[in-house]
PDB file of N, CA and C in Angstrom:
ATOM      1  N   MET A   1       0.706  12.729   4.074  1.00  0.00           N
ATOM      2  CA  MET A   1      -0.024  11.725   4.292  1.00  0.00           C
ATOM      3  C   MET A   1       1.290  11.030   5.452  1.00  0.00           C
ATOM      4  N   ASP A   2       0.921  10.603   6.826  1.00  0.00           N
ATOM      5  CA  ASP A   2       2.612  10.083   7.302  1.00  0.00           C
ATOM      6  C   ASP A   2       2.392   8.570   6.916  1.00  0.00           C
ATOM      7  N   ARG A   3       3.346   8.328   7.231  1.00  0.00           N
ATOM      8  CA  ARG A   3       3.747   6.626   6.668  1.00  0.00           C
ATOM      9  C   ARG A   3       4.518   6.494   7.859  1.00  0.00           C
ATOM     10  N   THR A   4       3.858   5.146   7.909  1.00  0.00           N
ATOM     11  CA  THR A   4       4.913   4.076   8.798  1.00  0.00           C
ATOM     12  C   THR A   4       6.219   3.386   8.522  1.00  0.00           C
ATOM     13  N   PRO A   5       7.378   3.317   8.754  1.00  0.00           N
ATOM     14  CA  PRO A   5       8.300   2.574   8.350  1.00  0.00           C
ATOM     15  C   PRO A   5       8.107   0.942   9.157  1.00  0.00           C
ATOM     16  N   VAL A   6       8.161   0.365   7.879  1.00  0.00           N
ATOM     17  CA  VAL A   6       8.497  -0.772   8.116  1.00  0.00           C
ATOM     18  C   VAL A   6       9.940  -1.642   7.458  1.00  0.00           C
ATOM     19  N   GLU A   7       9.396  -2.972   8.247  1.00  0.00           N
ATOM     20  CA  GLU A   7      11.011  -3.668   7.809  1.00  0.00           C
ATOM     21  C   GLU A   7      10.695  -4.338   6.184  1.00  0.00           C
ATOM     22  N   SER A   8      11.635  -4.347   5.347  1.00  0.00           N
ATOM     23  CA  SER A   8      11.216  -4.723   4.242  1.00  0.00           C
ATOM     24  C   SER A   8      12.426  -4.313   3.608  1.00  0.00           C
ATOM     25  N   THR A   9      13.057  -5.721   2.703  1.00  0.00           N
ATOM     26  CA  THR A   9      14.019  -4.993   1.668  1.00  0.00           C
ATOM     27  C   THR A   9      13.635  -4.157   0.319  1.00  0.00           C
ATOM     28  N   GLN A  10      12.207  -3.947   0.288  1.00  0.00           N
ATOM     29  CA  GLN A  10      11.916  -3.173  -0.894  1.00  0.00           C
ATOM     30  C   GLN A  10      10.792  -2.312  -0.572  1.00  0.00           C
ATOM     31  N   ILE A  11      10.431  -2.562   0.577  1.00  0.00           N
ATOM     32  CA  ILE A  11       9.168  -1.003   0.874  1.00  0.00           C
ATOM     33  C   ILE A  11       9.986  -0.674   2.013  1.00  0.00           C
ATOM     34  N   LYS A  12       9.946   1.104   2.348  1.00  0.00           N
ATOM     35  CA  LYS A  12      10.546   1.706   3.298  1.00  0.00           C
ATOM     36  C   LYS A  12       9.479   2.104   4.258  1.00  0.00           C
ATOM     37  N   SER A  13       8.483   2.709   3.839  1.00  0.00           N
ATOM     38  CA  SER A  13       6.966   2.983   4.536  1.00  0.00           C
ATOM     39  C   SER A  13       5.887   2.873   3.844  1.00  0.00           C
ATOM     40  N   ILE A  14       5.077   2.573   4.727  1.00  0.00           N
ATOM     41  CA  ILE A  14       3.827   2.598   4.458  1.00  0.00           C
ATOM     42  C   ILE A  14       2.519   3.694   4.892  1.00  0.00           C
ATOM     43  N   GLY A  15       1.365   3.864   4.335  1.00  0.00           N
ATOM     44  CA  GLY A  15       0.753   4.859   4.841  1.00  0.00           C
ATOM     45  C   GLY A  15      -0.721   4.729   4.236  1.00  0.00           C
ATOM     46  N   PHE A  16      -2.232   5.051   5.070  1.00  0.00           N
ATOM     47  CA  PHE A  16      -3.486   5.201   4.920  1.00  0.00           C
ATOM     48  C   PHE A  16      -3.409   6.432   5.078  1.00  0.00           C
ATOM     49  N   ASP A  17      -4.973   7.240   4.140  1.00  0.00           N
ATOM     50  CA  ASP A  17      -5.474   7.694   4.485  1.00  0.00           C
ATOM     51  C   ASP A  17      -6.998   7.035   4.415  1.00  0.00           C
ATOM     52  N   GLN A  18      -7.968   7.362   5.531  1.00  0.00           N
ATOM     53  CA  GLN A  18      -9.005   6.598   5.712  1.00  0.00           C
ATOM     54  C   GLN A  18      -9.978   7.391   4.870  1.00  0.00           C
ATOM     55  N   THR A  19      -9.805   8.579   5.225  1.00  0.00           N
ATOM     56  CA  THR A  19     -10.888   9.725   4.419  1.00  0.00           C
ATOM     57  C   THR A  19     -11.078   9.046   2.795  1.00  0.00           C
ATOM     58  N   THR A  20      -9.839   9.285   1.978  1.00  0.00           N
ATOM     59  CA  THR A  20     -10.382   8.530   0.791  1.00  0.00           C
ATOM     60  C   THR A  20      -9.274   7.766   0.048  1.00  0.00           C
ATOM     61  N   ASN A  21      -9.432   6.656   1.376  1.00  0.00           N
ATOM     62  CA  ASN A  21      -9.166   5.248   1.392  1.00  0.00           C
ATOM     63  C   ASN A  21      -7.728   4.848   0.235  1.00  0.00           C
ATOM     64  N   THR A  22      -6.593   6.008   0.518  1.00  0.00           N
ATOM     65  CA  THR A  22      -5.722   6.169  -0.234  1.00  0.00           C
ATOM     66  C   THR A  22      -4.305   5.544   0.581  1.00  0.00           C
ATOM     67  N   LEU A  23      -3.715   4.346  -0.136  1.00  0.00           N
ATOM     68  CA  LEU A  23      -2.597   3.911   0.499  1.00  0.00           C
ATOM     69  C   LEU A  23      -1.688   4.445   0.093  1.00  0.00           C
ATOM     70  N   GLU A  24      -0.157   4.762   0.649  1.00  0.00           N
ATOM     71  CA  GLU A  24       1.248   5.058   0.395  1.00  0.00           C
ATOM     72  C   GLU A  24       2.135   4.396   0.792  1.00  0.00           C
ATOM     73  N   VAL A  25       2.837   3.951  -0.661  1.00  0.00           N
ATOM     74  CA  VAL A  25       3.757   3.643  -0.246  1.00  0.00           C
ATOM     75  C   VAL A  25       5.529   3.816  -0.909  1.00  0.00           C
ATOM     76  N   GLU A  26       6.103   3.894   0.314  1.00  0.00           N
ATOM     77  CA  GLU A  26       7.639   4.481  -0.206  1.00  0.00           C
ATOM     78  C   GLU A  26       8.744   3.282   0.067  1.00  0.00           C
ATOM     79  N   PHE A  27       8.769   3.320  -1.670  1.00  0.00           N
ATOM     80  CA  PHE A  27       9.896   1.551  -2.063  1.00  0.00           C
ATOM     81  C   PHE A  27      11.281   2.666  -1.151  1.00  0.00           C
ATOM     82  N   ALA A  28      11.978   1.149  -0.811  1.00  0.00           N
ATOM     83  CA  ALA A  28      13.508   1.150  -0.344  1.00  0.00           C
ATOM     84  C   ALA A  28      14.639   1.947  -1.932  1.00  0.00           C
ATOM     85  N   LYS A  29      14.137   1.220  -2.772  1.00  0.00           N
ATOM     86  CA  LYS A  29      15.155   1.361  -3.762  1.00  0.00           C
ATOM     87  C   LYS A  29      14.944   2.647  -4.195  1.00  0.00           C
ATOM     88  N   GLY A  30      15.802   3.545  -4.463  1.00  0.00           N
ATOM     89  CA  GLY A  30      15.193   4.876  -5.041  1.00  0.00           C
ATOM     90  C   GLY A  30      14.610   6.170  -4.587  1.00  0.00           C
ATOM     91  N   GLY A  31      13.327   5.360  -3.327  1.00  0.00           N
ATOM     92  CA  GLY A  31      12.865   6.036  -2.797  1.00  0.00           C
ATOM     93  C   GLY A  31      11.710   6.662  -3.724  1.00  0.00           C
ATOM     94  N   ALA A  32      10.908   5.920  -4.167  1.00  0.00           N
ATOM     95  CA  ALA A  32       9.575   6.208  -4.981  1.00  0.00           C
ATOM     96  C   ALA A  32       8.408   6.268  -4.289  1.00  0.00           C
ATOM     97  N   VAL A  33       7.615   7.235  -4.224  1.00  0.00           N
ATOM     98  CA  VAL A  33       6.070   7.218  -3.651  1.00  0.00           C
ATOM     99  C   VAL A  33       5.214   7.128  -4.617  1.00  0.00           C
ATOM    100  N   TYR A  34       4.473   5.815  -4.165  1.00  0.00           N
ATOM    101  CA  TYR A  34       3.241   5.888  -4.913  1.00  0.00           C
ATOM    102  C   TYR A  34       1.979   5.708  -3.775  1.00  0.00           C
ATOM    103  N   GLN A  35       1.024   6.219  -4.709  1.00  0.00           N
ATOM    104  CA  GLN A  35      -0.440   6.577  -4.347  1.00  0.00           C
ATOM    105  C   GLN A  35      -1.540   5.101  -5.181  1.00  0.00           C
ATOM    106  N   TYR A  36      -2.380   4.419  -4.209  1.00  0.00           N
ATOM    107  CA  TYR A  36      -2.959   3.467  -4.226  1.00  0.00           C
ATOM    108  C   TYR A  36      -4.277   3.929  -4.020  1.00  0.00           C
ATOM    109  N   LYS A  37      -5.413   3.928  -4.965  1.00  0.00           N
ATOM    110  CA  LYS A  37      -6.965   4.651  -4.901  1.00  0.00           C
ATOM    111  C   LYS A  37      -7.531   2.984  -4.555  1.00  0.00           C
ATOM    112  N   ASP A  38      -8.578   3.680  -3.486  1.00  0.00           N
ATOM    113  CA  ASP A  38      -9.578   2.537  -3.181  1.00  0.00           C
ATOM    114  C   ASP A  38      -9.114   1.252  -2.897  1.00  0.00           C
ATOM    115  N   VAL A  39      -8.299   1.416  -1.771  1.00  0.00           N
ATOM    116  CA  VAL A  39      -7.517   0.518  -0.880  1.00  0.00           C
ATOM    117  C   VAL A  39      -8.222   0.756   0.571  1.00  0.00           C
ATOM    118  N   THR A  40      -8.832  -0.889   1.319  1.00  0.00           N
ATOM    119  CA  THR A  40      -9.459  -0.700   2.254  1.00  0.00           C
ATOM    120  C   THR A  40      -9.193  -0.377   3.617  1.00  0.00           C
ATOM    121  N   ARG A  41      -9.672  -0.086   4.621  1.00  0.00           N
ATOM    122  CA  ARG A  41      -8.751  -0.014   5.805  1.00  0.00           C
ATOM    123  C   ARG A  41      -8.232  -1.640   5.947  1.00  0.00           C
ATOM    124  N   GLU A  42      -8.981  -2.323   5.725  1.00  0.00           N
ATOM    125  CA  GLU A  42      -8.309  -3.856   6.272  1.00  0.00           C
ATOM    126  C   GLU A  42      -7.455  -4.407   5.365  1.00  0.00           C
ATOM    127  N   THR A  43      -7.289  -4.038   3.729  1.00  0.00           N
ATOM    128  CA  THR A  43      -6.229  -4.054   3.599  1.00  0.00           C
ATOM    129  C   THR A  43      -4.807  -3.451   3.842  1.00  0.00           C
ATOM    130  N   PHE A  44      -4.745  -2.496   3.757  1.00  0.00           N
ATOM    131  CA  PHE A  44      -4.174  -1.866   4.502  1.00  0.00           C
ATOM    132  C   PHE A  44      -3.366  -2.317   6.001  1.00  0.00           C
ATOM    133  N   ASP A  45      -4.389  -2.865   6.763  1.00  0.00           N
ATOM    134  CA  ASP A  45      -3.932  -3.244   8.385  1.00  0.00           C
ATOM    135  C   ASP A  45      -2.977  -5.193   8.118  1.00  0.00           C
ATOM    136  N   LEU A  46      -3.588  -5.570   6.751  1.00  0.00           N
ATOM    137  CA  LEU A  46      -3.190  -6.850   6.355  1.00  0.00           C
ATOM    138  C   LEU A  46      -1.675  -6.940   6.319  1.00  0.00           C
ATOM    139  N   PHE A  47      -1.802  -5.530   4.949  1.00  0.00           N
ATOM    140  CA  PHE A  47      -0.317  -5.044   4.918  1.00  0.00           C
ATOM    141  C   PHE A  47       0.838  -4.985   5.351  1.00  0.00           C
ATOM    142  N   LEU A  48       0.264  -4.001   6.556  1.00  0.00           N
ATOM    143  CA  LEU A  48       0.900  -3.617   7.635  1.00  0.00           C
ATOM    144  C   LEU A  48       1.370  -4.912   8.623  1.00  0.00           C
ATOM    145  N   ALA A  49       0.490  -5.712   8.998  1.00  0.00           N
ATOM    146  CA  ALA A  49       0.839  -6.888   9.311  1.00  0.00           C
ATOM    147  C   ALA A  49       1.714  -8.473   8.875  1.00  0.00           C
ATOM    148  N   ALA A  50       1.841  -8.098   7.670  1.00  0.00           N
ATOM    149  CA  ALA A  50       2.576  -9.267   6.699  1.00  0.00           C
ATOM    150  C   ALA A  50       3.516  -9.390   7.122  1.00  0.00           C
ATOM    151  N   GLU A  51       3.618 -10.823   7.086  1.00  0.00           N
ATOM    152  CA  GLU A  51       4.998 -11.085   7.633  1.00  0.00           C
ATOM    153  C   GLU A  51       6.310 -10.547   6.157  1.00  0.00           C
ATOM    154  N   SER A  52       6.060 -11.075   5.307  1.00  0.00           N
ATOM    155  CA  SER A  52       6.735 -10.269   4.042  1.00  0.00           C
ATOM    156  C   SER A  52       5.922  -9.262   3.383  1.00  0.00           C
ATOM    157  N   LYS A  53       6.248  -7.712   3.450  1.00  0.00           N
ATOM    158  CA  LYS A  53       5.963  -6.894   3.208  1.00  0.00           C
ATOM    159  C   LYS A  53       5.814  -6.491   1.743  1.00  0.00           C
ATOM    160  N   GLY A  54       6.610  -7.235   1.389  1.00  0.00           N
ATOM    161  CA  GLY A  54       7.198  -7.318  -0.458  1.00  0.00           C
ATOM    162  C   GLY A  54       6.556  -8.176  -1.312  1.00  0.00           C
ATOM    163  N   ARG A  55       6.211  -9.486  -0.415  1.00  0.00           N
ATOM    164  CA  ARG A  55       5.290 -10.208  -1.345  1.00  0.00           C
ATOM    165  C   ARG A  55       3.895  -9.761  -0.987  1.00  0.00           C
ATOM    166  N   PHE A  56       3.678  -9.451  -0.081  1.00  0.00           N
ATOM    167  CA  PHE A  56       1.942  -8.879  -0.265  1.00  0.00           C
ATOM    168  C   PHE A  56       1.663  -7.544  -0.950  1.00  0.00           C
ATOM    169  N   PHE A  57       2.696  -6.871  -1.343  1.00  0.00           N
ATOM    170  CA  PHE A  57       2.352  -5.361  -1.745  1.00  0.00           C
ATOM    171  C   PHE A  57       2.185  -6.380  -3.787  1.00  0.00           C
ATOM    172  N   GLY A  58       3.166  -7.520  -3.760  1.00  0.00           N
ATOM    173  CA  GLY A  58       3.272  -7.898  -5.032  1.00  0.00           C
ATOM    174  C   GLY A  58       2.113  -8.180  -5.292  1.00  0.00           C
ATOM    175  N   GLN A  59       1.834  -9.396  -4.370  1.00  0.00           N
ATOM    176  CA  GLN A  59       0.047 -10.290  -4.702  1.00  0.00           C
ATOM    177  C   GLN A  59      -1.322  -8.911  -4.752  1.00  0.00           C
ATOM    178  N   ALA A  60      -1.276  -8.340  -3.814  1.00  0.00           N
ATOM    179  CA  ALA A  60      -2.126  -7.771  -2.922  1.00  0.00           C
ATOM    180  C   ALA A  60      -2.650  -6.798  -3.668  1.00  0.00           C
ATOM    181  N   ILE A  61      -1.275  -5.163  -3.438  1.00  0.00           N
ATOM    182  CA  ILE A  61      -1.403  -4.290  -4.285  1.00  0.00           C
ATOM    183  C   ILE A  61      -1.190  -4.070  -5.692  1.00  0.00           C
ATOM    184  N   ARG A  62      -0.532  -4.600  -6.268  1.00  0.00           N
ATOM    185  CA  ARG A  62       0.054  -4.498  -7.451  1.00  0.00           C
ATOM    186  C   ARG A  62      -0.901  -5.388  -8.456  1.00  0.00           C
ATOM    187  N   GLY A  63      -1.040  -6.862  -7.535  1.00  0.00           N
ATOM    188  CA  GLY A  63      -1.921  -7.630  -8.588  1.00  0.00           C
ATOM    189  C   GLY A  63      -3.022  -7.057  -8.237  1.00  0.00           C
ATOM    190  N   GLY A  64      -3.855  -6.148  -7.513  1.00  0.00           N
ATOM    191  CA  GLY A  64      -5.011  -6.269  -6.683  1.00  0.00           C
ATOM    192  C   GLY A  64      -5.394  -5.090  -8.425  1.00  0.00           C
ATOM    193  N   GLY A  65      -5.412  -4.554  -9.256  1.00  0.00           N
ATOM    194  CA  GLY A  65      -5.896  -3.852 -10.131  1.00  0.00           C
ATOM    195  C   GLY A  65      -6.249  -1.795  -9.451  1.00  0.00           C
ATOM    196  N   PHE A  66      -5.681  -1.974  -8.197  1.00  0.00           N
ATOM    197  CA  PHE A  66      -5.604  -0.788  -8.452  1.00  0.00           C
ATOM    198  C   PHE A  66      -5.289   0.567  -8.877  1.00  0.00           C
ATOM    199  N   GLU A  67      -5.711   1.613  -8.848  1.00  0.00           N
ATOM    200  CA  GLU A  67      -5.261   2.624  -9.799  1.00  0.00           C
ATOM    201  C   GLU A  67      -4.254   3.359  -8.771  1.00  0.00           C
ATOM    202  N   PHE A  68      -2.977   3.606  -9.584  1.00  0.00           N
ATOM    203  CA  PHE A  68      -1.904   4.422  -8.807  1.00  0.00           C
ATOM    204  C   PHE A  68      -1.290   5.750  -9.606  1.00  0.00           C
ATOM    205  N   THR A  69      -0.588   6.037  -8.768  1.00  0.00           N
ATOM    206  CA  THR A  69      -0.116   7.352  -9.201  1.00  0.00           C
ATOM    207  C   THR A  69       1.341   7.672  -8.564  1.00  0.00           C
ATOM    208  N   ARG A  70       2.237   7.926  -9.400  1.00  0.00           N
ATOM    209  CA  ARG A  70       3.424   8.186  -9.090  1.00  0.00           C
ATOM    210  C   ARG A  70       3.801   9.495  -8.384  1.00  0.00           C
ATOM    211  N   LEU A  71       4.512   9.804  -7.090  1.00  0.00           N
ATOM    212  CA  LEU A  71       3.943  11.268  -6.564  1.00  0.00           C
ATOM    213  C   LEU A  71       5.843  11.615  -7.069  1.00  0.00           C
ATOM    214  N   PRO A  72       5.280  13.395  -7.224  1.00  0.00           N
ATOM    215  CA  PRO A  72       6.754  13.766  -7.734  1.00  0.00           C
ATOM    216  C   PRO A  72       7.971  13.340  -6.728  1.00  0.00           C
ATOM    217  N   GLU A  73       8.955  13.400  -6.889  1.00  0.00           N
ATOM    218  CA  GLU A  73       9.955  14.021  -5.970  1.00  0.00           C
ATOM    219  C   GLU A  73       9.869  14.893  -5.383  1.00  0.00           C
ATOM    220  N   PRO A  74      10.449  15.139  -3.875  1.00  0.00           N
ATOM    221  CA  PRO A  74      10.705  16.259  -3.484  1.00  0.00           C
ATOM    222  C   PRO A  74      11.713  17.453  -3.970  1.00  0.00           C
ATOM    223  N   GLU A  75      11.947  18.518  -4.284  1.00  0.00           N
ATOM    224  CA  GLU A  75      12.854  19.581  -4.655  1.00  0.00           C
ATOM    225  C   GLU A  75      13.879  19.068  -3.576  1.00  0.00           C
ATOM    226  N   LYS A  76      15.240  19.051  -3.833  1.00  0.00           N
ATOM    227  CA  LYS A  76      16.257  18.871  -2.730  1.00  0.00           C
ATOM    228  C   LYS A  76      16.555  20.284  -3.063  1.00  0.00           C
ATOM    229  N   ALA A  77      16.898  20.608  -1.382  1.00  0.00           N
ATOM    230  CA  ALA A  77      17.331  22.143  -1.087  1.00  0.00           C
ATOM    231  C   ALA A  77      18.928  21.775  -1.475  1.00  0.00           C
ATOM    232  N   GLU A  78      19.315  23.409  -1.929  1.00  0.00           N
ATOM    233  CA  GLU A  78      20.114  23.476  -2.765  1.00  0.00           C
ATOM    234  C   GLU A  78      21.197  23.760  -1.538  1.00  0.00           C
ATOM    235  N   THR A  79      22.793  23.337  -1.427  1.00  0.00           N
ATOM    236  CA  THR A  79      23.215  24.201  -0.118  1.00  0.00           C
ATOM    237  C   THR A  79      24.312  24.840  -0.586  1.00  0.00           C
ATOM    238  N   PRO A  80      24.407  25.985  -0.652  1.00  0.00           N
ATOM    239  CA  PRO A  80      25.695  26.836  -0.687  1.00  0.00           C
ATOM    240  C   PRO A  80      26.842  26.385  -0.992  1.00  0.00           C
ATOM    241  N   ALA A  81      27.687  26.900  -1.858  1.00  0.00           N
ATOM    242  CA  ALA A  81      29.398  26.553  -2.107  1.00  0.00           C
ATOM    243  C   ALA A  81      29.988  27.015  -1.104  1.00  0.00           C
ATOM    244  N   GLU A  82      30.795  26.392  -0.329  1.00  0.00           N
ATOM    245  CA  GLU A  82      31.729  26.738   0.872  1.00  0.00           C
ATOM    246  C   GLU A  82      32.427  27.306   0.136  1.00  0.00           C
ATOM    247  N   GLY A  83      33.112  28.549   0.069  1.00  0.00           N
ATOM    248  CA  GLY A  83      33.927  29.213  -0.361  1.00  0.00           C
ATOM    249  C   GLY A  83      35.252  30.170   0.635  1.00  0.00           C
TER     250      GLY A  83
END
């Protein structure tokens, strides 16, 4: 899912899949990515437009009772040792 970078100290980017009504949130600290189910497009648009993304997330998403899943972290490609 494509995510849009946002200005926030807590949230790095957010994305939305309108087909499945899934919101995806990438957090700034640690880079964890979570998907939230059954989120409306209207809620996503309000999130994107919110002056404080962290406050909106806390009140409307985390406090909204949405089912969520933490996505596994992508495997980091190993760089060959120089020698």
